[in-house]
Structure formats: structure tokens, C-alpha cells
Amino acid sequence: MPAEKQILVACGTGIATSTVVAEKVSEVCRKNGIVANIIQCKAIEIPSYAAQGVDLIVTTTPLPQKISVPVVNGLAYLTGIGEDQVSERIANELKKP
């Protein structure tokens, strides 16, 4: 069984838009056979969570600082423009060992 991937989904408040994006990311994981734990948070909380070890960050807002974890802009899931490309990038990042 593949290792569970840890994914942060962040927006300004950690509530509204991150919920929509988290559902889309969950769908991408299901379609690609990726086992994932998705954590929703506020953008300001990203450094704290990232320090605990995450595999990917999907955000709808600019990050408060430079992070050493791959980051994908998930705004396409809110606008509907470029969703396929974002989904592909998420899947590719999560398939990396």
C-alpha cells in the first residue's frame, strides 16, 4: 500500500474557499489512486504545518513566506479556468516518491 500523502489546503480564513479546493483535491487523489490526508488551514498557519512534514500545499492566496514544500495555486478550482492543468500538476506532484 502506498504511503499516505499529507496535503495542506489553505485560504485566507481556512474555511470557505479551502473547503471547495479540498473537495477538488480529494477527487484528484481518488481518481489517481493516491491515499491522502487533507488538512485545511489558514494561509498564516502554513509554516507551522509545513514544519511538521507535508508533501504538497494547495493554496488560493499568496503564501506568507517562502516554503520548501511544493506549492500549487488552487485558484482555478474557484474560477473554473484551468482546472484540468491544476489537477494534473497536483497528481504529478503527489506521484513523486
PDB file of N, CA and C in Angstrom:
ATOM      1  N   MET A   1       0.848  -1.193   0.000  1.00  0.00           N
ATOM      2  CA  MET A   1       0.000   0.000   0.000  1.00  0.00           C
ATOM      3  C   MET A   1       0.885   1.245   0.000  1.00  0.00           C
ATOM      4  N   PRO A   2       0.592   2.213  -0.882  1.00  0.00           N
ATOM      5  CA  PRO A   2       1.412   3.421  -0.938  1.00  0.00           C
ATOM      6  C   PRO A   2       1.289   4.235   0.348  1.00  0.00           C
ATOM      7  N   ALA A   3       2.334   4.971   0.642  1.00  0.00           N
ATOM      8  CA  ALA A   3       2.323   5.823   1.832  1.00  0.00           C
ATOM      9  C   ALA A   3       1.290   6.936   1.671  1.00  0.00           C
ATOM     10  N   GLU A   4       0.668   7.292   2.771  1.00  0.00           N
ATOM     11  CA  GLU A   4      -0.319   8.366   2.752  1.00  0.00           C
ATOM     12  C   GLU A   4       0.378   9.708   2.546  1.00  0.00           C
ATOM     13  N   LYS A   5      -0.112  10.481   1.622  1.00  0.00           N
ATOM     14  CA  LYS A   5       0.420  11.815   1.354  1.00  0.00           C
ATOM     15  C   LYS A   5      -0.276  12.824   2.254  1.00  0.00           C
ATOM     16  N   GLN A   6       0.487  13.773   2.746  1.00  0.00           N
ATOM     17  CA  GLN A   6      -0.044  14.835   3.591  1.00  0.00           C
ATOM     18  C   GLN A   6      -0.176  16.093   2.737  1.00  0.00           C
ATOM     19  N   ILE A   7      -1.402  16.603   2.631  1.00  0.00           N
ATOM     20  CA  ILE A   7      -1.671  17.764   1.778  1.00  0.00           C
ATOM     21  C   ILE A   7      -2.308  18.868   2.607  1.00  0.00           C
ATOM     22  N   LEU A   8      -1.756  20.072   2.488  1.00  0.00           N
ATOM     23  CA  LEU A   8      -2.358  21.250   3.107  1.00  0.00           C
ATOM     24  C   LEU A   8      -3.167  21.983   2.056  1.00  0.00           C
ATOM     25  N   VAL A   9      -4.364  22.378   2.403  1.00  0.00           N
ATOM     26  CA  VAL A   9      -5.177  23.235   1.536  1.00  0.00           C
ATOM     27  C   VAL A   9      -5.452  24.490   2.343  1.00  0.00           C
ATOM     28  N   ALA A  10      -4.971  25.608   1.828  1.00  0.00           N
ATOM     29  CA  ALA A  10      -5.050  26.848   2.598  1.00  0.00           C
ATOM     30  C   ALA A  10      -5.733  27.965   1.830  1.00  0.00           C
ATOM     31  N   CYS A  11      -6.458  28.780   2.596  1.00  0.00           N
ATOM     32  CA  CYS A  11      -7.023  30.019   2.068  1.00  0.00           C
ATOM     33  C   CYS A  11      -6.876  31.066   3.160  1.00  0.00           C
ATOM     34  N   GLY A  12      -7.410  32.221   2.955  1.00  0.00           N
ATOM     35  CA  GLY A  12      -7.254  33.305   3.922  1.00  0.00           C
ATOM     36  C   GLY A  12      -7.792  32.984   5.308  1.00  0.00           C
ATOM     37  N   THR A  13      -8.956  32.317   5.359  1.00  0.00           N
ATOM     38  CA  THR A  13      -9.578  32.040   6.652  1.00  0.00           C
ATOM     39  C   THR A  13      -9.574  30.568   7.038  1.00  0.00           C
ATOM     40  N   GLY A  14      -9.253  29.691   6.089  1.00  0.00           N
ATOM     41  CA  GLY A  14      -9.246  28.258   6.371  1.00  0.00           C
ATOM     42  C   GLY A  14     -10.637  27.647   6.398  1.00  0.00           C
ATOM     43  N   ILE A  15     -11.622  28.361   5.863  1.00  0.00           N
ATOM     44  CA  ILE A  15     -12.993  27.853   5.933  1.00  0.00           C
ATOM     45  C   ILE A  15     -13.622  27.716   4.544  1.00  0.00           C
ATOM     46  N   ALA A  16     -14.008  28.819   3.950  1.00  0.00           N
ATOM     47  CA  ALA A  16     -14.846  28.778   2.753  1.00  0.00           C
ATOM     48  C   ALA A  16     -14.152  28.222   1.518  1.00  0.00           C
ATOM     49  N   THR A  17     -13.220  28.970   0.964  1.00  0.00           N
ATOM     50  CA  THR A  17     -12.629  28.532  -0.295  1.00  0.00           C
ATOM     51  C   THR A  17     -11.772  27.287  -0.123  1.00  0.00           C
ATOM     52  N   SER A  18     -11.169  27.118   1.036  1.00  0.00           N
ATOM     53  CA  SER A  18     -10.342  25.915   1.226  1.00  0.00           C
ATOM     54  C   SER A  18     -11.211  24.657   1.229  1.00  0.00           C
ATOM     55  N   THR A  19     -12.462  24.781   1.627  1.00  0.00           N
ATOM     56  CA  THR A  19     -13.364  23.625   1.609  1.00  0.00           C
ATOM     57  C   THR A  19     -13.639  23.189   0.175  1.00  0.00           C
ATOM     58  N   VAL A  20     -13.901  24.142  -0.697  1.00  0.00           N
ATOM     59  CA  VAL A  20     -14.140  23.839  -2.107  1.00  0.00           C
ATOM     60  C   VAL A  20     -12.897  23.195  -2.714  1.00  0.00           C
ATOM     61  N   VAL A  21     -11.738  23.785  -2.459  1.00  0.00           N
ATOM     62  CA  VAL A  21     -10.489  23.277  -3.021  1.00  0.00           C
ATOM     63  C   VAL A  21     -10.157  21.904  -2.444  1.00  0.00           C
ATOM     64  N   ALA A  22     -10.373  21.714  -1.159  1.00  0.00           N
ATOM     65  CA  ALA A  22     -10.092  20.413  -0.527  1.00  0.00           C
ATOM     66  C   ALA A  22     -10.920  19.301  -1.171  1.00  0.00           C
ATOM     67  N   GLU A  23     -12.166  19.592  -1.495  1.00  0.00           N
ATOM     68  CA  GLU A  23     -13.014  18.595  -2.159  1.00  0.00           C
ATOM     69  C   GLU A  23     -12.465  18.244  -3.531  1.00  0.00           C
ATOM     70  N   LYS A  24     -11.993  19.235  -4.264  1.00  0.00           N
ATOM     71  CA  LYS A  24     -11.428  19.002  -5.594  1.00  0.00           C
ATOM     72  C   LYS A  24     -10.127  18.194  -5.487  1.00  0.00           C
ATOM     73  N   VAL A  25      -9.293  18.523  -4.529  1.00  0.00           N
ATOM     74  CA  VAL A  25      -8.028  17.811  -4.333  1.00  0.00           C
ATOM     75  C   VAL A  25      -8.313  16.362  -3.942  1.00  0.00           C
ATOM     76  N   SER A  26      -9.302  16.159  -3.099  1.00  0.00           N
ATOM     77  CA  SER A  26      -9.700  14.810  -2.695  1.00  0.00           C
ATOM     78  C   SER A  26     -10.132  13.996  -3.916  1.00  0.00           C
ATOM     79  N   GLU A  27     -10.863  14.628  -4.804  1.00  0.00           N
ATOM     80  CA  GLU A  27     -11.319  13.972  -6.034  1.00  0.00           C
ATOM     81  C   GLU A  27     -10.125  13.586  -6.921  1.00  0.00           C
ATOM     82  N   VAL A  28      -9.157  14.488  -7.037  1.00  0.00           N
ATOM     83  CA  VAL A  28      -7.944  14.203  -7.822  1.00  0.00           C
ATOM     84  C   VAL A  28      -7.226  12.985  -7.234  1.00  0.00           C
ATOM     85  N   CYS A  29      -7.122  12.949  -5.930  1.00  0.00           N
ATOM     86  CA  CYS A  29      -6.451  11.830  -5.264  1.00  0.00           C
ATOM     87  C   CYS A  29      -7.186  10.518  -5.533  1.00  0.00           C
ATOM     88  N   ARG A  30      -8.501  10.527  -5.391  1.00  0.00           N
ATOM     89  CA  ARG A  30      -9.300   9.314  -5.641  1.00  0.00           C
ATOM     90  C   ARG A  30      -9.099   8.813  -7.070  1.00  0.00           C
ATOM     91  N   LYS A  31      -9.188   9.720  -8.032  1.00  0.00           N
ATOM     92  CA  LYS A  31      -9.064   9.347  -9.441  1.00  0.00           C
ATOM     93  C   LYS A  31      -7.686   8.786  -9.779  1.00  0.00           C
ATOM     94  N   ASN A  32      -6.672   9.182  -9.009  1.00  0.00           N
ATOM     95  CA  ASN A  32      -5.303   8.764  -9.295  1.00  0.00           C
ATOM     96  C   ASN A  32      -4.785   7.706  -8.324  1.00  0.00           C
ATOM     97  N   GLY A  33      -5.672   7.171  -7.482  1.00  0.00           N
ATOM     98  CA  GLY A  33      -5.278   6.128  -6.550  1.00  0.00           C
ATOM     99  C   GLY A  33      -4.281   6.584  -5.506  1.00  0.00           C
ATOM    100  N   ILE A  34      -4.359   7.849  -5.136  1.00  0.00           N
ATOM    101  CA  ILE A  34      -3.435   8.420  -4.152  1.00  0.00           C
ATOM    102  C   ILE A  34      -4.124   8.462  -2.795  1.00  0.00           C
ATOM    103  N   VAL A  35      -3.498   7.852  -1.810  1.00  0.00           N
ATOM    104  CA  VAL A  35      -4.016   7.881  -0.439  1.00  0.00           C
ATOM    105  C   VAL A  35      -3.529   9.177   0.191  1.00  0.00           C
ATOM    106  N   ALA A  36      -4.455   9.998   0.671  1.00  0.00           N
ATOM    107  CA  ALA A  36      -4.066  11.316   1.170  1.00  0.00           C
ATOM    108  C   ALA A  36      -4.828  11.720   2.416  1.00  0.00           C
ATOM    109  N   ASN A  37      -4.144  12.484   3.238  1.00  0.00           N
ATOM    110  CA  ASN A  37      -4.739  13.153   4.388  1.00  0.00           C
ATOM    111  C   ASN A  37      -4.729  14.635   4.049  1.00  0.00           C
ATOM    112  N   ILE A  38      -5.909  15.217   3.905  1.00  0.00           N
ATOM    113  CA  ILE A  38      -6.017  16.619   3.511  1.00  0.00           C
ATOM    114  C   ILE A  38      -6.362  17.459   4.737  1.00  0.00           C
ATOM    115  N   ILE A  39      -5.526  18.461   4.982  1.00  0.00           N
ATOM    116  CA  ILE A  39      -5.692  19.338   6.141  1.00  0.00           C
ATOM    117  C   ILE A  39      -6.009  20.736   5.640  1.00  0.00           C
ATOM    118  N   GLN A  40      -7.110  21.299   6.090  1.00  0.00           N
ATOM    119  CA  GLN A  40      -7.457  22.676   5.740  1.00  0.00           C
ATOM    120  C   GLN A  40      -6.894  23.605   6.802  1.00  0.00           C
ATOM    121  N   CYS A  41      -6.375  24.754   6.360  1.00  0.00           N
ATOM    122  CA  CYS A  41      -5.833  25.712   7.321  1.00  0.00           C
ATOM    123  C   CYS A  41      -5.869  27.122   6.744  1.00  0.00           C
ATOM    124  N   LYS A  42      -5.545  28.076   7.595  1.00  0.00           N
ATOM    125  CA  LYS A  42      -5.387  29.463   7.173  1.00  0.00           C
ATOM    126  C   LYS A  42      -3.999  29.605   6.564  1.00  0.00           C
ATOM    127  N   ALA A  43      -3.849  30.515   5.626  1.00  0.00           N
ATOM    128  CA  ALA A  43      -2.544  30.729   4.983  1.00  0.00           C
ATOM    129  C   ALA A  43      -1.463  31.033   6.015  1.00  0.00           C
ATOM    130  N   ILE A  44      -1.807  31.765   7.029  1.00  0.00           N
ATOM    131  CA  ILE A  44      -0.827  32.139   8.050  1.00  0.00           C
ATOM    132  C   ILE A  44      -0.327  30.923   8.850  1.00  0.00           C
ATOM    133  N   GLU A  45      -1.083  29.829   8.832  1.00  0.00           N
ATOM    134  CA  GLU A  45      -0.698  28.611   9.556  1.00  0.00           C
ATOM    135  C   GLU A  45       0.209  27.681   8.748  1.00  0.00           C
ATOM    136  N   ILE A  46       0.400  27.975   7.471  1.00  0.00           N
ATOM    137  CA  ILE A  46       1.168  27.095   6.594  1.00  0.00           C
ATOM    138  C   ILE A  46       2.564  26.787   7.138  1.00  0.00           C
ATOM    139  N   PRO A  47       3.352  27.784   7.552  1.00  0.00           N
ATOM    140  CA  PRO A  47       4.709  27.453   8.020  1.00  0.00           C
ATOM    141  C   PRO A  47       4.717  26.440   9.167  1.00  0.00           C
ATOM    142  N   SER A  48       3.775  26.552  10.069  1.00  0.00           N
ATOM    143  CA  SER A  48       3.697  25.627  11.202  1.00  0.00           C
ATOM    144  C   SER A  48       3.393  24.208  10.731  1.00  0.00           C
ATOM    145  N   TYR A  49       2.417  24.064   9.871  1.00  0.00           N
ATOM    146  CA  TYR A  49       2.068  22.740   9.343  1.00  0.00           C
ATOM    147  C   TYR A  49       3.199  22.187   8.465  1.00  0.00           C
ATOM    148  N   ALA A  50       3.781  23.045   7.636  1.00  0.00           N
ATOM    149  CA  ALA A  50       4.849  22.604   6.736  1.00  0.00           C
ATOM    150  C   ALA A  50       6.039  22.061   7.532  1.00  0.00           C
ATOM    151  N   ALA A  51       6.306  22.640   8.677  1.00  0.00           N
ATOM    152  CA  ALA A  51       7.409  22.191   9.520  1.00  0.00           C
ATOM    153  C   ALA A  51       7.165  20.785  10.066  1.00  0.00           C
ATOM    154  N   GLN A  52       5.904  20.378  10.110  1.00  0.00           N
ATOM    155  CA  GLN A  52       5.553  19.045  10.612  1.00  0.00           C
ATOM    156  C   GLN A  52       5.671  17.986   9.528  1.00  0.00           C
ATOM    157  N   GLY A  53       5.936  18.408   8.306  1.00  0.00           N
ATOM    158  CA  GLY A  53       6.134  17.479   7.207  1.00  0.00           C
ATOM    159  C   GLY A  53       4.884  17.250   6.372  1.00  0.00           C
ATOM    160  N   VAL A  54       4.757  18.001   5.295  1.00  0.00           N
ATOM    161  CA  VAL A  54       3.676  17.799   4.340  1.00  0.00           C
ATOM    162  C   VAL A  54       4.288  17.578   2.962  1.00  0.00           C
ATOM    163  N   ASP A  55       3.535  16.928   2.089  1.00  0.00           N
ATOM    164  CA  ASP A  55       4.025  16.616   0.752  1.00  0.00           C
ATOM    165  C   ASP A  55       3.665  17.678  -0.279  1.00  0.00           C
ATOM    166  N   LEU A  56       2.575  18.396  -0.037  1.00  0.00           N
ATOM    167  CA  LEU A  56       2.096  19.372  -1.013  1.00  0.00           C
ATOM    168  C   LEU A  56       1.225  20.404  -0.315  1.00  0.00           C
ATOM    169  N   ILE A  57       1.299  21.636  -0.825  1.00  0.00           N
ATOM    170  CA  ILE A  57       0.433  22.716  -0.349  1.00  0.00           C
ATOM    171  C   ILE A  57      -0.352  23.231  -1.545  1.00  0.00           C
ATOM    172  N   VAL A  58      -1.666  23.303  -1.391  1.00  0.00           N
ATOM    173  CA  VAL A  58      -2.528  23.892  -2.414  1.00  0.00           C
ATOM    174  C   VAL A  58      -3.158  25.115  -1.757  1.00  0.00           C
ATOM    175  N   THR A  59      -2.963  26.270  -2.355  1.00  0.00           N
ATOM    176  CA  THR A  59      -3.431  27.498  -1.729  1.00  0.00           C
ATOM    177  C   THR A  59      -4.183  28.384  -2.716  1.00  0.00           C
ATOM    178  N   THR A  60      -5.083  29.201  -2.186  1.00  0.00           N
ATOM    179  CA  THR A  60      -5.826  30.148  -3.023  1.00  0.00           C
ATOM    180  C   THR A  60      -5.383  31.579  -2.751  1.00  0.00           C
ATOM    181  N   THR A  61      -4.374  31.724  -1.928  1.00  0.00           N
ATOM    182  CA  THR A  61      -3.900  33.045  -1.526  1.00  0.00           C
ATOM    183  C   THR A  61      -2.373  33.044  -1.513  1.00  0.00           C
ATOM    184  N   PRO A  62      -1.748  34.195  -1.643  1.00  0.00           N
ATOM    185  CA  PRO A  62      -0.284  34.227  -1.572  1.00  0.00           C
ATOM    186  C   PRO A  62       0.222  33.708  -0.228  1.00  0.00           C
ATOM    187  N   LEU A  63       1.351  33.029  -0.261  1.00  0.00           N
ATOM    188  CA  LEU A  63       1.926  32.490   0.968  1.00  0.00           C
ATOM    189  C   LEU A  63       2.617  33.592   1.765  1.00  0.00           C
ATOM    190  N   PRO A  64       2.585  33.460   3.089  1.00  0.00           N
ATOM    191  CA  PRO A  64       3.196  34.483   3.936  1.00  0.00           C
ATOM    192  C   PRO A  64       4.728  34.499   3.856  1.00  0.00           C
ATOM    193  N   GLN A  65       5.341  33.423   3.418  1.00  0.00           N
ATOM    194  CA  GLN A  65       6.800  33.360   3.295  1.00  0.00           C
ATOM    195  C   GLN A  65       7.195  32.221   2.380  1.00  0.00           C
ATOM    196  N   LYS A  66       8.471  32.125   2.079  1.00  0.00           N
ATOM    197  CA  LYS A  66       8.984  31.054   1.210  1.00  0.00           C
ATOM    198  C   LYS A  66       8.881  29.730   1.958  1.00  0.00           C
ATOM    199  N   ILE A  67       8.394  28.699   1.270  1.00  0.00           N
ATOM    200  CA  ILE A  67       8.206  27.371   1.841  1.00  0.00           C
ATOM    201  C   ILE A  67       8.973  26.371   0.985  1.00  0.00           C
ATOM    202  N   SER A  68       9.576  25.365   1.630  1.00  0.00           N
ATOM    203  CA  SER A  68      10.377  24.390   0.893  1.00  0.00           C
ATOM    204  C   SER A  68       9.566  23.187   0.415  1.00  0.00           C
ATOM    205  N   VAL A  69       8.257  23.277   0.511  1.00  0.00           N
ATOM    206  CA  VAL A  69       7.350  22.216   0.073  1.00  0.00           C
ATOM    207  C   VAL A  69       6.750  22.658  -1.264  1.00  0.00           C
ATOM    208  N   PRO A  70       6.514  21.722  -2.209  1.00  0.00           N
ATOM    209  CA  PRO A  70       5.870  22.128  -3.469  1.00  0.00           C
ATOM    210  C   PRO A  70       4.520  22.810  -3.204  1.00  0.00           C
ATOM    211  N   VAL A  71       4.294  23.902  -3.919  1.00  0.00           N
ATOM    212  CA  VAL A  71       3.062  24.680  -3.761  1.00  0.00           C
ATOM    213  C   VAL A  71       2.353  24.764  -5.097  1.00  0.00           C
ATOM    214  N   VAL A  72       1.042  24.521  -5.077  1.00  0.00           N
ATOM    215  CA  VAL A  72       0.213  24.640  -6.277  1.00  0.00           C
ATOM    216  C   VAL A  72      -0.857  25.689  -5.996  1.00  0.00           C
ATOM    217  N   ASN A  73      -1.035  26.606  -6.934  1.00  0.00           N
ATOM    218  CA  ASN A  73      -2.078  27.611  -6.810  1.00  0.00           C
ATOM    219  C   ASN A  73      -3.411  26.958  -7.192  1.00  0.00           C
ATOM    220  N   GLY A  74      -4.332  26.884  -6.246  1.00  0.00           N
ATOM    221  CA  GLY A  74      -5.612  26.222  -6.465  1.00  0.00           C
ATOM    222  C   GLY A  74      -6.738  27.144  -6.864  1.00  0.00           C
ATOM    223  N   LEU A  75      -6.423  28.376  -7.220  1.00  0.00           N
ATOM    224  CA  LEU A  75      -7.451  29.346  -7.585  1.00  0.00           C
ATOM    225  C   LEU A  75      -8.315  28.876  -8.752  1.00  0.00           C
ATOM    226  N   ALA A  76      -7.748  28.041  -9.625  1.00  0.00           N
ATOM    227  CA  ALA A  76      -8.509  27.533 -10.779  1.00  0.00           C
ATOM    228  C   ALA A  76      -9.746  26.760 -10.336  1.00  0.00           C
ATOM    229  N   TYR A  77      -9.690  26.147  -9.171  1.00  0.00           N
ATOM    230  CA  TYR A  77     -10.856  25.409  -8.670  1.00  0.00           C
ATOM    231  C   TYR A  77     -11.992  26.337  -8.275  1.00  0.00           C
ATOM    232  N   LEU A  78     -11.695  27.600  -8.080  1.00  0.00           N
ATOM    233  CA  LEU A  78     -12.737  28.574  -7.734  1.00  0.00           C
ATOM    234  C   LEU A  78     -13.255  29.289  -8.974  1.00  0.00           C
ATOM    235  N   THR A  79     -12.362  29.495  -9.950  1.00  0.00           N
ATOM    236  CA  THR A  79     -12.758  30.217 -11.162  1.00  0.00           C
ATOM    237  C   THR A  79     -13.267  29.289 -12.256  1.00  0.00           C
ATOM    238  N   GLY A  80     -12.834  28.013 -12.206  1.00  0.00           N
ATOM    239  CA  GLY A  80     -13.205  27.072 -13.247  1.00  0.00           C
ATOM    240  C   GLY A  80     -12.300  27.149 -14.469  1.00  0.00           C
ATOM    241  N   ILE A  81     -11.342  28.063 -14.446  1.00  0.00           N
ATOM    242  CA  ILE A  81     -10.424  28.234 -15.575  1.00  0.00           C
ATOM    243  C   ILE A  81      -9.101  27.543 -15.263  1.00  0.00           C
ATOM    244  N   GLY A  82      -8.768  26.544 -16.060  1.00  0.00           N
ATOM    245  CA  GLY A  82      -7.500  25.842 -15.874  1.00  0.00           C
ATOM    246  C   GLY A  82      -7.530  24.723 -14.855  1.00  0.00           C
ATOM    247  N   GLU A  83      -8.718  24.251 -14.509  1.00  0.00           N
ATOM    248  CA  GLU A  83      -8.844  23.187 -13.506  1.00  0.00           C
ATOM    249  C   GLU A  83      -8.079  21.926 -13.890  1.00  0.00           C
ATOM    250  N   ASP A  84      -8.177  21.517 -15.146  1.00  0.00           N
ATOM    251  CA  ASP A  84      -7.515  20.292 -15.583  1.00  0.00           C
ATOM    252  C   ASP A  84      -6.002  20.368 -15.389  1.00  0.00           C
ATOM    253  N   GLN A  85      -5.419  21.522 -15.720  1.00  0.00           N
ATOM    254  CA  GLN A  85      -3.978  21.689 -15.573  1.00  0.00           C
ATOM    255  C   GLN A  85      -3.569  21.629 -14.100  1.00  0.00           C
ATOM    256  N   VAL A  86      -4.359  22.237 -13.234  1.00  0.00           N
ATOM    257  CA  VAL A  86      -4.058  22.219 -11.802  1.00  0.00           C
ATOM    258  C   VAL A  86      -4.185  20.791 -11.266  1.00  0.00           C
ATOM    259  N   SER A  87      -5.222  20.100 -11.680  1.00  0.00           N
ATOM    260  CA  SER A  87      -5.412  18.712 -11.247  1.00  0.00           C
ATOM    261  C   SER A  87      -4.245  17.835 -11.687  1.00  0.00           C
ATOM    262  N   GLU A  88      -3.799  18.032 -12.907  1.00  0.00           N
ATOM    263  CA  GLU A  88      -2.668  17.258 -13.425  1.00  0.00           C
ATOM    264  C   GLU A  88      -1.393  17.560 -12.632  1.00  0.00           C
ATOM    265  N   ARG A  89      -1.172  18.823 -12.337  1.00  0.00           N
ATOM    266  CA  ARG A  89       0.021  19.201 -11.573  1.00  0.00           C
ATOM    267  C   ARG A  89      -0.023  18.603 -10.167  1.00  0.00           C
ATOM    268  N   ILE A  90      -1.184  18.637  -9.529  1.00  0.00           N
ATOM    269  CA  ILE A  90      -1.333  18.048  -8.191  1.00  0.00           C
ATOM    270  C   ILE A  90      -1.040  16.563  -8.243  1.00  0.00           C
ATOM    271  N   ALA A  91      -1.631  15.866  -9.193  1.00  0.00           N
ATOM    272  CA  ALA A  91      -1.412  14.426  -9.323  1.00  0.00           C
ATOM    273  C   ALA A  91       0.066  14.120  -9.556  1.00  0.00           C
ATOM    274  N   ASN A  92       0.710  14.887 -10.427  1.00  0.00           N
ATOM    275  CA  ASN A  92       2.125  14.656 -10.711  1.00  0.00           C
ATOM    276  C   ASN A  92       2.999  14.887  -9.491  1.00  0.00           C
ATOM    277  N   GLU A  93       2.724  15.932  -8.735  1.00  0.00           N
ATOM    278  CA  GLU A  93       3.500  16.207  -7.523  1.00  0.00           C
ATOM    279  C   GLU A  93       3.341  15.083  -6.501  1.00  0.00           C
ATOM    280  N   LEU A  94       2.110  14.578  -6.365  1.00  0.00           N
ATOM    281  CA  LEU A  94       1.846  13.549  -5.362  1.00  0.00           C
ATOM    282  C   LEU A  94       2.352  12.177  -5.764  1.00  0.00           C
ATOM    283  N   LYS A  95       2.557  11.961  -7.047  1.00  0.00           N
ATOM    284  CA  LYS A  95       3.076  10.665  -7.510  1.00  0.00           C
ATOM    285  C   LYS A  95       4.592  10.569  -7.365  1.00  0.00           C
ATOM    286  N   LYS A  96       5.246  11.693  -7.100  1.00  0.00           N
ATOM    287  CA  LYS A  96       6.689  11.665  -6.896  1.00  0.00           C
ATOM    288  C   LYS A  96       6.992  10.903  -5.608  1.00  0.00           C
ATOM    289  N   PRO A  97       8.100  10.149  -5.605  1.00  0.00           N
ATOM    290  CA  PRO A  97       8.447   9.390  -4.385  1.00  0.00           C
ATOM    291  C   PRO A  97       8.823  10.288  -3.224  1.00  0.00           C
TER     292      PRO A  97
END
